[in-house]
PDB file of N, CA and C in Angstrom:
ATOM      1  N   MET A   1     -40.279 -64.079 -80.671  1.00  0.00           N
ATOM      2  CA  MET A   1     -38.930 -63.856 -81.134  1.00  0.00           C
ATOM      3  C   MET A   1     -38.029 -63.568 -79.943  1.00  0.00           C
ATOM      4  N   LYS A   2     -36.760 -63.909 -80.101  1.00  0.00           N
ATOM      5  CA  LYS A   2     -35.797 -63.706 -79.020  1.00  0.00           C
ATOM      6  C   LYS A   2     -35.205 -62.296 -79.130  1.00  0.00           C
ATOM      7  N   ILE A   3     -35.287 -61.553 -78.042  1.00  0.00           N
ATOM      8  CA  ILE A   3     -34.760 -60.191 -77.963  1.00  0.00           C
ATOM      9  C   ILE A   3     -33.696 -60.156 -76.866  1.00  0.00           C
ATOM     10  N   GLU A   4     -32.551 -59.577 -77.175  1.00  0.00           N
ATOM     11  CA  GLU A   4     -31.501 -59.374 -76.171  1.00  0.00           C
ATOM     12  C   GLU A   4     -31.375 -57.874 -75.933  1.00  0.00           C
ATOM     13  N   ILE A   5     -31.477 -57.474 -74.677  1.00  0.00           N
ATOM     14  CA  ILE A   5     -31.335 -56.070 -74.311  1.00  0.00           C
ATOM     15  C   ILE A   5     -30.115 -55.965 -73.399  1.00  0.00           C
ATOM     16  N   GLU A   6     -29.195 -55.089 -73.779  1.00  0.00           N
ATOM     17  CA  GLU A   6     -27.928 -54.951 -73.067  1.00  0.00           C
ATOM     18  C   GLU A   6     -27.709 -53.481 -72.727  1.00  0.00           C
ATOM     19  N   VAL A   7     -27.308 -53.213 -71.491  1.00  0.00           N
ATOM     20  CA  VAL A   7     -26.978 -51.852 -71.070  1.00  0.00           C
ATOM     21  C   VAL A   7     -25.624 -51.884 -70.373  1.00  0.00           C
ATOM     22  N   LYS A   8     -24.749 -50.950 -70.762  1.00  0.00           N
ATOM     23  CA  LYS A   8     -23.428 -50.818 -70.157  1.00  0.00           C
ATOM     24  C   LYS A   8     -23.257 -49.398 -69.643  1.00  0.00           C
ATOM     25  N   ALA A   9     -22.682 -49.281 -68.458  1.00  0.00           N
ATOM     26  CA  ALA A   9     -22.364 -47.980 -67.882  1.00  0.00           C
ATOM     27  C   ALA A   9     -20.924 -48.033 -67.388  1.00  0.00           C
ATOM     28  N   TYR A  10     -20.170 -46.980 -67.677  1.00  0.00           N
ATOM     29  CA  TYR A  10     -18.794 -46.958 -67.188  1.00  0.00           C
ATOM     30  C   TYR A  10     -18.273 -45.535 -67.124  1.00  0.00           C
ATOM     31  N   GLY A  11     -17.191 -45.396 -66.376  1.00  0.00           N
ATOM     32  CA  GLY A  11     -16.569 -44.091 -66.238  1.00  0.00           C
ATOM     33  C   GLY A  11     -15.435 -44.134 -65.236  1.00  0.00           C
ATOM     34  N   LYS A  12     -14.762 -43.028 -65.145  1.00  0.00           N
ATOM     35  CA  LYS A  12     -13.622 -42.875 -64.252  1.00  0.00           C
ATOM     36  C   LYS A  12     -14.120 -42.636 -62.829  1.00  0.00           C
ATOM     37  N   VAL A  13     -13.461 -43.245 -61.862  1.00  0.00           N
ATOM     38  CA  VAL A  13     -13.788 -43.046 -60.448  1.00  0.00           C
ATOM     39  C   VAL A  13     -12.509 -42.749 -59.684  1.00  0.00           C
ATOM     40  N   GLU A  14     -12.664 -42.141 -58.521  1.00  0.00           N
ATOM     41  CA  GLU A  14     -11.501 -41.843 -57.694  1.00  0.00           C
ATOM     42  C   GLU A  14     -11.311 -42.935 -56.657  1.00  0.00           C
ATOM     43  N   VAL A  15     -10.095 -43.479 -56.615  1.00  0.00           N
ATOM     44  CA  VAL A  15      -9.725 -44.483 -55.636  1.00  0.00           C
ATOM     45  C   VAL A  15      -8.392 -44.047 -55.054  1.00  0.00           C
ATOM     46  N   GLN A  16      -8.358 -43.905 -53.739  1.00  0.00           N
ATOM     47  CA  GLN A  16      -7.117 -43.466 -53.097  1.00  0.00           C
ATOM     48  C   GLN A  16      -5.982 -44.439 -53.380  1.00  0.00           C
ATOM     49  N   GLY A  17      -4.802 -43.868 -53.656  1.00  0.00           N
ATOM     50  CA  GLY A  17      -3.621 -44.687 -53.900  1.00  0.00           C
ATOM     51  C   GLY A  17      -3.449 -45.111 -55.343  1.00  0.00           C
ATOM     52  N   THR A  18      -4.357 -44.676 -56.232  1.00  0.00           N
ATOM     53  CA  THR A  18      -4.210 -45.007 -57.657  1.00  0.00           C
ATOM     54  C   THR A  18      -4.229 -43.732 -58.477  1.00  0.00           C
ATOM     55  N   GLU A  19      -3.557 -43.810 -59.619  1.00  0.00           N
ATOM     56  CA  GLU A  19      -3.546 -42.657 -60.517  1.00  0.00           C
ATOM     57  C   GLU A  19      -4.847 -42.586 -61.311  1.00  0.00           C
ATOM     58  N   ASP A  20      -5.281 -43.720 -61.855  1.00  0.00           N
ATOM     59  CA  ASP A  20      -6.527 -43.798 -62.602  1.00  0.00           C
ATOM     60  C   ASP A  20      -7.282 -45.054 -62.188  1.00  0.00           C
ATOM     61  N   ALA A  21      -8.595 -44.936 -62.099  1.00  0.00           N
ATOM     62  CA  ALA A  21      -9.440 -46.094 -61.803  1.00  0.00           C
ATOM     63  C   ALA A  21     -10.748 -45.933 -62.578  1.00  0.00           C
ATOM     64  N   PHE A  22     -11.288 -47.048 -63.020  1.00  0.00           N
ATOM     65  CA  PHE A  22     -12.517 -47.035 -63.791  1.00  0.00           C
ATOM     66  C   PHE A  22     -13.495 -48.054 -63.228  1.00  0.00           C
ATOM     67  N   LYS A  23     -14.789 -47.764 -63.395  1.00  0.00           N
ATOM     68  CA  LYS A  23     -15.842 -48.654 -62.943  1.00  0.00           C
ATOM     69  C   LYS A  23     -16.735 -48.972 -64.131  1.00  0.00           C
ATOM     70  N   SER A  24     -17.216 -50.202 -64.160  1.00  0.00           N
ATOM     71  CA  SER A  24     -18.092 -50.625 -65.247  1.00  0.00           C
ATOM     72  C   SER A  24     -19.187 -51.523 -64.699  1.00  0.00           C
ATOM     73  N   THR A  25     -20.388 -51.348 -65.225  1.00  0.00           N
ATOM     74  CA  THR A  25     -21.521 -52.196 -64.886  1.00  0.00           C
ATOM     75  C   THR A  25     -22.206 -52.592 -66.189  1.00  0.00           C
ATOM     76  N   GLU A  26     -22.568 -53.870 -66.299  1.00  0.00           N
ATOM     77  CA  GLU A  26     -23.225 -54.351 -67.509  1.00  0.00           C
ATOM     78  C   GLU A  26     -24.349 -55.301 -67.128  1.00  0.00           C
ATOM     79  N   LEU A  27     -25.516 -55.089 -67.727  1.00  0.00           N
ATOM     80  CA  LEU A  27     -26.661 -55.980 -67.535  1.00  0.00           C
ATOM     81  C   LEU A  27     -27.170 -56.434 -68.895  1.00  0.00           C
ATOM     82  N   VAL A  28     -27.538 -57.706 -68.981  1.00  0.00           N
ATOM     83  CA  VAL A  28     -28.098 -58.252 -70.215  1.00  0.00           C
ATOM     84  C   VAL A  28     -29.341 -59.050 -69.854  1.00  0.00           C
ATOM     85  N   ARG A  29     -30.404 -58.845 -70.623  1.00  0.00           N
ATOM     86  CA  ARG A  29     -31.629 -59.612 -70.447  1.00  0.00           C
ATOM     87  C   ARG A  29     -31.991 -60.254 -71.783  1.00  0.00           C
ATOM     88  N   VAL A  30     -32.415 -61.504 -71.750  1.00  0.00           N
ATOM     89  CA  VAL A  30     -32.890 -62.203 -72.939  1.00  0.00           C
ATOM     90  C   VAL A  30     -34.370 -62.477 -72.723  1.00  0.00           C
ATOM     91  N   LEU A  31     -35.190 -62.014 -73.661  1.00  0.00           N
ATOM     92  CA  LEU A  31     -36.636 -62.131 -73.540  1.00  0.00           C
ATOM     93  C   LEU A  31     -37.218 -62.792 -74.779  1.00  0.00           C
ATOM     94  N   LYS A  32     -38.271 -63.543 -74.599  1.00  0.00           N
ATOM     95  CA  LYS A  32     -39.044 -64.055 -75.728  1.00  0.00           C
ATOM     96  C   LYS A  32     -40.303 -63.203 -75.815  1.00  0.00           C
ATOM     97  N   LEU A  33     -40.440 -62.472 -76.917  1.00  0.00           N
ATOM     98  CA  LEU A  33     -41.556 -61.554 -77.095  1.00  0.00           C
ATOM     99  C   LEU A  33     -42.303 -61.883 -78.378  1.00  0.00           C
ATOM    100  N   PRO A  34     -43.584 -61.523 -78.441  1.00  0.00           N
ATOM    101  CA  PRO A  34     -44.333 -61.770 -79.671  1.00  0.00           C
ATOM    102  C   PRO A  34     -43.825 -60.873 -80.807  1.00  0.00           C
ATOM    103  N   LYS A  35     -43.998 -61.341 -82.018  1.00  0.00           N
ATOM    104  CA  LYS A  35     -43.568 -60.602 -83.204  1.00  0.00           C
ATOM    105  C   LYS A  35     -44.234 -59.228 -83.275  1.00  0.00           C
ATOM    106  N   GLU A  36     -45.392 -59.095 -82.687  1.00  0.00           N
ATOM    107  CA  GLU A  36     -46.151 -57.839 -82.732  1.00  0.00           C
ATOM    108  C   GLU A  36     -45.644 -56.787 -81.741  1.00  0.00           C
ATOM    109  N   THR A  37     -44.597 -57.071 -80.997  1.00  0.00           N
ATOM    110  CA  THR A  37     -44.042 -56.114 -80.036  1.00  0.00           C
ATOM    111  C   THR A  37     -43.644 -54.834 -80.757  1.00  0.00           C
ATOM    112  N   THR A  38     -44.036 -53.685 -80.199  1.00  0.00           N
ATOM    113  CA  THR A  38     -43.766 -52.397 -80.844  1.00  0.00           C
ATOM    114  C   THR A  38     -42.428 -51.819 -80.397  1.00  0.00           C
ATOM    115  N   LEU A  39     -41.947 -50.858 -81.169  1.00  0.00           N
ATOM    116  CA  LEU A  39     -40.719 -50.160 -80.817  1.00  0.00           C
ATOM    117  C   LEU A  39     -40.887 -49.442 -79.471  1.00  0.00           C
ATOM    118  N   GLY A  40     -42.073 -48.903 -79.223  1.00  0.00           N
ATOM    119  CA  GLY A  40     -42.351 -48.238 -77.947  1.00  0.00           C
ATOM    120  C   GLY A  40     -42.234 -49.193 -76.768  1.00  0.00           C
ATOM    121  N   GLU A  41     -42.701 -50.422 -76.941  1.00  0.00           N
ATOM    122  CA  GLU A  41     -42.587 -51.421 -75.874  1.00  0.00           C
ATOM    123  C   GLU A  41     -41.125 -51.799 -75.640  1.00  0.00           C
ATOM    124  N   LEU A  42     -40.336 -51.915 -76.717  1.00  0.00           N
ATOM    125  CA  LEU A  42     -38.906 -52.200 -76.570  1.00  0.00           C
ATOM    126  C   LEU A  42     -38.201 -51.050 -75.862  1.00  0.00           C
ATOM    127  N   GLU A  43     -38.576 -49.829 -76.202  1.00  0.00           N
ATOM    128  CA  GLU A  43     -38.001 -48.655 -75.559  1.00  0.00           C
ATOM    129  C   GLU A  43     -38.311 -48.650 -74.060  1.00  0.00           C
ATOM    130  N   SER A  44     -39.513 -49.042 -73.692  1.00  0.00           N
ATOM    131  CA  SER A  44     -39.900 -49.117 -72.284  1.00  0.00           C
ATOM    132  C   SER A  44     -39.045 -50.148 -71.535  1.00  0.00           C
ATOM    133  N   LEU A  45     -38.819 -51.308 -72.162  1.00  0.00           N
ATOM    134  CA  LEU A  45     -37.970 -52.333 -71.546  1.00  0.00           C
ATOM    135  C   LEU A  45     -36.533 -51.830 -71.388  1.00  0.00           C
ATOM    136  N   LEU A  46     -36.032 -51.122 -72.395  1.00  0.00           N
ATOM    137  CA  LEU A  46     -34.682 -50.566 -72.329  1.00  0.00           C
ATOM    138  C   LEU A  46     -34.578 -49.516 -71.225  1.00  0.00           C
ATOM    139  N   THR A  47     -35.604 -48.689 -71.092  1.00  0.00           N
ATOM    140  CA  THR A  47     -35.625 -47.666 -70.043  1.00  0.00           C
ATOM    141  C   THR A  47     -35.537 -48.304 -68.656  1.00  0.00           C
ATOM    142  N   LYS A  48     -36.266 -49.396 -68.451  1.00  0.00           N
ATOM    143  CA  LYS A  48     -36.218 -50.094 -67.162  1.00  0.00           C
ATOM    144  C   LYS A  48     -34.825 -50.629 -66.870  1.00  0.00           C
ATOM    145  N   LEU A  49     -34.149 -51.127 -67.899  1.00  0.00           N
ATOM    146  CA  LEU A  49     -32.795 -51.641 -67.704  1.00  0.00           C
ATOM    147  C   LEU A  49     -31.815 -50.506 -67.416  1.00  0.00           C
ATOM    148  N   PHE A  50     -31.996 -49.354 -68.084  1.00  0.00           N
ATOM    149  CA  PHE A  50     -31.176 -48.181 -67.762  1.00  0.00           C
ATOM    150  C   PHE A  50     -31.353 -47.807 -66.293  1.00  0.00           C
ATOM    151  N   GLU A  51     -32.586 -47.793 -65.824  1.00  0.00           N
ATOM    152  CA  GLU A  51     -32.863 -47.438 -64.430  1.00  0.00           C
ATOM    153  C   GLU A  51     -32.208 -48.429 -63.475  1.00  0.00           C
ATOM    154  N   GLU A  52     -32.239 -49.709 -63.829  1.00  0.00           N
ATOM    155  CA  GLU A  52     -31.623 -50.734 -62.981  1.00  0.00           C
ATOM    156  C   GLU A  52     -30.107 -50.540 -62.906  1.00  0.00           C
ATOM    157  N   VAL A  53     -29.482 -50.250 -64.031  1.00  0.00           N
ATOM    158  CA  VAL A  53     -28.028 -50.016 -64.045  1.00  0.00           C
ATOM    159  C   VAL A  53     -27.689 -48.774 -63.232  1.00  0.00           C
ATOM    160  N   GLU A  54     -28.461 -47.699 -63.428  1.00  0.00           N
ATOM    161  CA  GLU A  54     -28.180 -46.451 -62.734  1.00  0.00           C
ATOM    162  C   GLU A  54     -28.429 -46.548 -61.231  1.00  0.00           C
ATOM    163  N   SER A  55     -29.242 -47.515 -60.790  1.00  0.00           N
ATOM    164  CA  SER A  55     -29.428 -47.703 -59.344  1.00  0.00           C
ATOM    165  C   SER A  55     -28.173 -48.326 -58.722  1.00  0.00           C
ATOM    166  N   GLU A  56     -27.392 -49.050 -59.528  1.00  0.00           N
ATOM    167  CA  GLU A  56     -26.145 -49.651 -59.048  1.00  0.00           C
ATOM    168  C   GLU A  56     -24.944 -48.738 -59.271  1.00  0.00           C
ATOM    169  N   TYR A  57     -25.023 -47.860 -60.264  1.00  0.00           N
ATOM    170  CA  TYR A  57     -23.897 -46.998 -60.628  1.00  0.00           C
ATOM    171  C   TYR A  57     -24.450 -45.609 -60.928  1.00  0.00           C
ATOM    172  N   ALA A  58     -24.440 -44.756 -59.921  1.00  0.00           N
ATOM    173  CA  ALA A  58     -24.986 -43.411 -60.072  1.00  0.00           C
ATOM    174  C   ALA A  58     -24.042 -42.529 -60.890  1.00  0.00           C
ATOM    175  N   ASN A  59     -24.599 -41.783 -61.821  1.00  0.00           N
ATOM    176  CA  ASN A  59     -23.880 -40.792 -62.627  1.00  0.00           C
ATOM    177  C   ASN A  59     -22.666 -41.332 -63.389  1.00  0.00           C
ATOM    178  N   PRO A  60     -22.824 -42.389 -64.176  1.00  0.00           N
ATOM    179  CA  PRO A  60     -21.694 -42.852 -64.982  1.00  0.00           C
ATOM    180  C   PRO A  60     -21.373 -41.835 -66.086  1.00  0.00           C
ATOM    181  N   GLU A  61     -20.120 -41.817 -66.545  1.00  0.00           N
ATOM    182  CA  GLU A  61     -19.752 -40.919 -67.640  1.00  0.00           C
ATOM    183  C   GLU A  61     -20.485 -41.303 -68.926  1.00  0.00           C
ATOM    184  N   LEU A  62     -20.639 -42.599 -69.152  1.00  0.00           N
ATOM    185  CA  LEU A  62     -21.293 -43.072 -70.361  1.00  0.00           C
ATOM    186  C   LEU A  62     -22.199 -44.239 -70.009  1.00  0.00           C
ATOM    187  N   CYS A  63     -23.408 -44.206 -70.537  1.00  0.00           N
ATOM    188  CA  CYS A  63     -24.363 -45.296 -70.326  1.00  0.00           C
ATOM    189  C   CYS A  63     -25.061 -45.514 -71.666  1.00  0.00           C
ATOM    190  N   HIS A  64     -24.908 -46.710 -72.233  1.00  0.00           N
ATOM    191  CA  HIS A  64     -25.538 -46.960 -73.523  1.00  0.00           C
ATOM    192  C   HIS A  64     -26.213 -48.320 -73.546  1.00  0.00           C
ATOM    193  N   GLY A  65     -27.183 -48.440 -74.437  1.00  0.00           N
ATOM    194  CA  GLY A  65     -27.949 -49.674 -74.536  1.00  0.00           C
ATOM    195  C   GLY A  65     -27.976 -50.203 -75.962  1.00  0.00           C
ATOM    196  N   LYS A  66     -28.268 -51.493 -76.058  1.00  0.00           N
ATOM    197  CA  LYS A  66     -28.346 -52.146 -77.356  1.00  0.00           C
ATOM    198  C   LYS A  66     -29.463 -53.177 -77.308  1.00  0.00           C
ATOM    199  N   ILE A  67     -30.272 -53.210 -78.367  1.00  0.00           N
ATOM    200  CA  ILE A  67     -31.330 -54.208 -78.499  1.00  0.00           C
ATOM    201  C   ILE A  67     -31.012 -55.040 -79.733  1.00  0.00           C
ATOM    202  N   THR A  68     -30.982 -56.365 -79.561  1.00  0.00           N
ATOM    203  CA  THR A  68     -30.676 -57.271 -80.660  1.00  0.00           C
ATOM    204  C   THR A  68     -31.850 -58.206 -80.878  1.00  0.00           C
ATOM    205  N   ILE A  69     -32.262 -58.330 -82.137  1.00  0.00           N
ATOM    206  CA  ILE A  69     -33.292 -59.288 -82.536  1.00  0.00           C
ATOM    207  C   ILE A  69     -32.593 -60.356 -83.371  1.00  0.00           C
ATOM    208  N   ARG A  70     -32.677 -61.600 -82.951  1.00  0.00           N
ATOM    209  CA  ARG A  70     -32.026 -62.694 -83.671  1.00  0.00           C
ATOM    210  C   ARG A  70     -32.967 -63.250 -84.735  1.00  0.00           C
ATOM    211  N   ALA A  71     -32.483 -63.289 -85.982  1.00  0.00           N
ATOM    212  CA  ALA A  71     -33.277 -63.822 -87.092  1.00  0.00           C
ATOM    213  C   ALA A  71     -32.339 -64.472 -88.106  1.00  0.00           C
ATOM    214  N   LYS A  72     -32.911 -65.314 -88.949  1.00  0.00           N
ATOM    215  CA  LYS A  72     -32.141 -65.926 -90.032  1.00  0.00           C
ATOM    216  C   LYS A  72     -33.029 -66.040 -91.258  1.00  0.00           C
ATOM    217  N   LYS A  73     -32.384 -66.165 -92.408  1.00  0.00           N
ATOM    218  CA  LYS A  73     -33.126 -66.340 -93.656  1.00  0.00           C
ATOM    219  C   LYS A  73     -33.302 -67.827 -93.891  1.00  0.00           C
ATOM    220  N   GLU A  74     -34.538 -68.219 -94.104  1.00  0.00           N
ATOM    221  CA  GLU A  74     -34.840 -69.630 -94.300  1.00  0.00           C
ATOM    222  C   GLU A  74     -35.993 -69.762 -95.290  1.00  0.00           C
ATOM    223  N   ASN A  75     -35.818 -70.583 -96.315  1.00  0.00           N
ATOM    224  CA  ASN A  75     -36.854 -70.801 -97.338  1.00  0.00           C
ATOM    225  C   ASN A  75     -37.367 -69.495 -97.947  1.00  0.00           C
ATOM    226  N   GLY A  76     -36.448 -68.569 -98.194  1.00  0.00           N
ATOM    227  CA  GLY A  76     -36.804 -67.316 -98.838  1.00  0.00           C
ATOM    228  C   GLY A  76     -37.458 -66.292 -97.925  1.00  0.00           C
ATOM    229  N   GLY A  77     -37.547 -66.549 -96.630  1.00  0.00           N
ATOM    230  CA  GLY A  77     -38.162 -65.610 -95.698  1.00  0.00           C
ATOM    231  C   GLY A  77     -37.334 -65.446 -94.436  1.00  0.00           C
ATOM    232  N   ILE A  78     -37.778 -64.583 -93.590  1.00  0.00           N
ATOM    233  CA  ILE A  78     -37.102 -64.344 -92.315  1.00  0.00           C
ATOM    234  C   ILE A  78     -37.755 -65.176 -91.242  1.00  0.00           C
ATOM    235  N   VAL A  79     -36.930 -65.881 -90.474  1.00  0.00           N
ATOM    236  CA  VAL A  79     -37.403 -66.687 -89.352  1.00  0.00           C
ATOM    237  C   VAL A  79     -36.727 -66.126 -88.099  1.00  0.00           C
ATOM    238  N   TYR A  80     -37.529 -65.792 -87.092  1.00  0.00           N
ATOM    239  CA  TYR A  80     -36.981 -65.281 -85.852  1.00  0.00           C
ATOM    240  C   TYR A  80     -36.517 -66.448 -84.990  1.00  0.00           C
ATOM    241  N   VAL A  81     -35.315 -66.316 -84.440  1.00  0.00           N
ATOM    242  CA  VAL A  81     -34.722 -67.376 -83.639  1.00  0.00           C
ATOM    243  C   VAL A  81     -35.385 -67.395 -82.271  1.00  0.00           C
ATOM    244  N   ASN A  82     -35.746 -68.569 -81.818  1.00  0.00           N
ATOM    245  CA  ASN A  82     -36.375 -68.709 -80.491  1.00  0.00           C
ATOM    246  C   ASN A  82     -35.357 -69.063 -79.500  1.00  0.00           C
TER     247      ASN A  82
END
């Protein structure tokens, strides 16, 4: 099944000569994983992406992640999009 993992980090930063400035970093990964993948395994993948974002943007005000599983209803059942 196709899994999309997205992490965004952003917050206010100080830049000389400006009143307000903001920084944002976003990473997205698309993976093909077996249907038997556990929530714990997805959490581990999300944790790695958080670490990758935080290595580029230390101490953001907000850092959040999203995991999307693509599926559709077909012939009365659920089919995972590849």
